[in-house]
Amino acid sequence: MKRIHAIHLAGYAASLALTLAAFGIAKFGWLDGALALVAIGLAGLVQAAIHLRAFLHLDFKGSQREDLQLLLFAAVLIAIMVGGSLWIMFDLGHRMM
């Protein structure tokens, strides 16, 4: 039981650190231009992997069908959110020109 709590605390701390790093890059301009976008994107990907391991308890050791379905569903949701956000931003940018 204590192992589960340690995993949750470590996942929470890592997620909080990555979130604060991404906000720091965006708010205070710690990185410029494309490097900032890449760093924020990588922080998001690492944070997603941490959530899958620490909170959903996916161990990636076996090829369980439920784990694969969960990963595919998460990938589809992320693609829909990112694609929809980009679509909206480019459409609004086009309308502003």
Protein backbone atom coordinates (compact mmCIF):
# COMPACT_ATOMS: atom_id res chain seq x y z
CA MET A 1 0.00 0.00 0.00
CA LYS A 2 2.85 2.41 0.75
CA ARG A 3 4.35 1.73 -2.68
CA ILE A 4 1.22 3.05 -4.37
CA HIS A 5 1.36 6.25 -2.34
CA ALA A 6 5.02 6.76 -3.19
CA ILE A 7 4.26 6.33 -6.91
CA HIS A 8 1.40 8.81 -6.68
CA LEU A 9 3.54 11.37 -4.84
CA ALA A 10 6.42 10.99 -7.30
CA GLY A 11 4.01 11.32 -10.24
CA TYR A 12 2.40 14.38 -8.71
CA ALA A 13 5.75 16.04 -8.04
CA ALA A 14 7.04 15.32 -11.55
CA SER A 15 3.80 16.55 -13.14
CA LEU A 16 3.85 19.71 -11.05
CA ALA A 17 7.49 20.39 -11.97
CA LEU A 18 6.80 19.90 -15.69
CA THR A 19 3.72 22.12 -15.53
CA LEU A 20 5.62 24.89 -13.75
CA ALA A 21 8.47 24.59 -16.26
CA ALA A 22 6.07 24.94 -19.19
CA PHE A 23 4.38 27.96 -17.59
CA GLY A 24 7.77 29.48 -16.85
CA ILE A 25 8.83 29.08 -20.47
CA ALA A 26 5.61 30.69 -21.68
CA LYS A 27 5.23 33.43 -19.08
CA PHE A 28 8.80 34.54 -18.42
CA GLY A 29 10.32 33.78 -21.83
CA TRP A 30 13.02 31.43 -20.58
CA LEU A 31 13.37 30.10 -24.15
CA ASP A 32 12.69 31.85 -27.45
CA GLY A 33 10.75 30.93 -30.58
CA ALA A 34 10.70 27.40 -31.88
CA LEU A 35 12.85 26.11 -29.02
CA ALA A 36 10.18 27.19 -26.54
CA LEU A 37 7.48 25.36 -28.51
CA VAL A 38 9.58 22.20 -28.68
CA ALA A 39 10.35 22.34 -24.94
CA ILE A 40 6.70 22.83 -24.02
CA GLY A 41 5.65 20.00 -26.36
CA LEU A 42 8.26 17.65 -24.90
CA ALA A 43 7.20 18.56 -21.38
CA GLY A 44 3.62 17.66 -22.33
CA LEU A 45 4.65 14.31 -23.79
CA VAL A 46 6.75 13.42 -20.76
CA GLN A 47 3.90 14.47 -18.50
CA ALA A 48 1.48 12.23 -20.42
CA ALA A 49 3.87 9.30 -19.99
CA ILE A 50 4.14 10.04 -16.26
CA HIS A 51 0.35 10.08 -15.94
CA LEU A 52 0.07 6.75 -17.74
CA ARG A 53 2.65 5.16 -15.44
CA ALA A 54 1.96 6.79 -12.08
CA PHE A 55 -1.79 7.22 -12.10
CA LEU A 56 -3.13 4.66 -14.56
CA HIS A 57 -0.53 2.07 -13.49
CA LEU A 58 0.45 0.98 -16.99
CA ASP A 59 3.74 -0.86 -16.75
CA PHE A 60 4.40 -1.41 -20.49
CA LYS A 61 5.89 -4.85 -19.69
CA GLY A 62 3.15 -7.02 -21.13
CA SER A 63 0.99 -6.52 -24.18
CA GLN A 64 -2.35 -6.44 -22.48
CA ARG A 65 -5.27 -5.60 -24.71
CA GLU A 66 -6.79 -3.06 -22.31
CA ASP A 67 -3.53 -1.14 -22.08
CA LEU A 68 -3.26 -0.94 -25.85
CA GLN A 69 -6.85 0.23 -26.18
CA LEU A 70 -6.27 2.86 -23.50
CA LEU A 71 -3.17 4.17 -25.26
CA LEU A 72 -4.93 4.30 -28.62
CA PHE A 73 -7.91 6.10 -27.10
CA ALA A 74 -5.59 8.62 -25.42
CA ALA A 75 -3.76 9.18 -28.73
CA VAL A 76 -7.05 9.77 -30.56
CA LEU A 77 -8.21 12.24 -27.91
CA ILE A 78 -4.92 14.13 -28.03
CA ALA A 79 -5.05 14.25 -31.84
CA ILE A 80 -8.61 15.58 -31.76
CA MET A 81 -7.76 18.26 -29.18
CA VAL A 82 -4.55 19.40 -30.86
CA GLY A 83 -6.02 19.23 -34.37
CA GLY A 84 -9.16 21.08 -33.35
CA SER A 85 -7.19 23.76 -31.53
CA LEU A 86 -4.91 24.31 -34.53
CA TRP A 87 -7.90 24.39 -36.87
CA ILE A 88 -9.62 27.04 -34.74
CA MET A 89 -6.47 29.15 -34.36
CA PHE A 90 -5.64 29.08 -38.08
CA ASP A 91 -9.25 29.87 -38.99
CA LEU A 92 -9.32 32.81 -36.59
CA GLY A 93 -5.96 33.98 -37.91
CA HIS A 94 -7.28 33.80 -41.47
CA ARG A 95 -10.41 35.76 -40.54
CA MET A 96 -8.31 38.46 -38.86
CA MET A 97 -6.23 39.11 -42.00
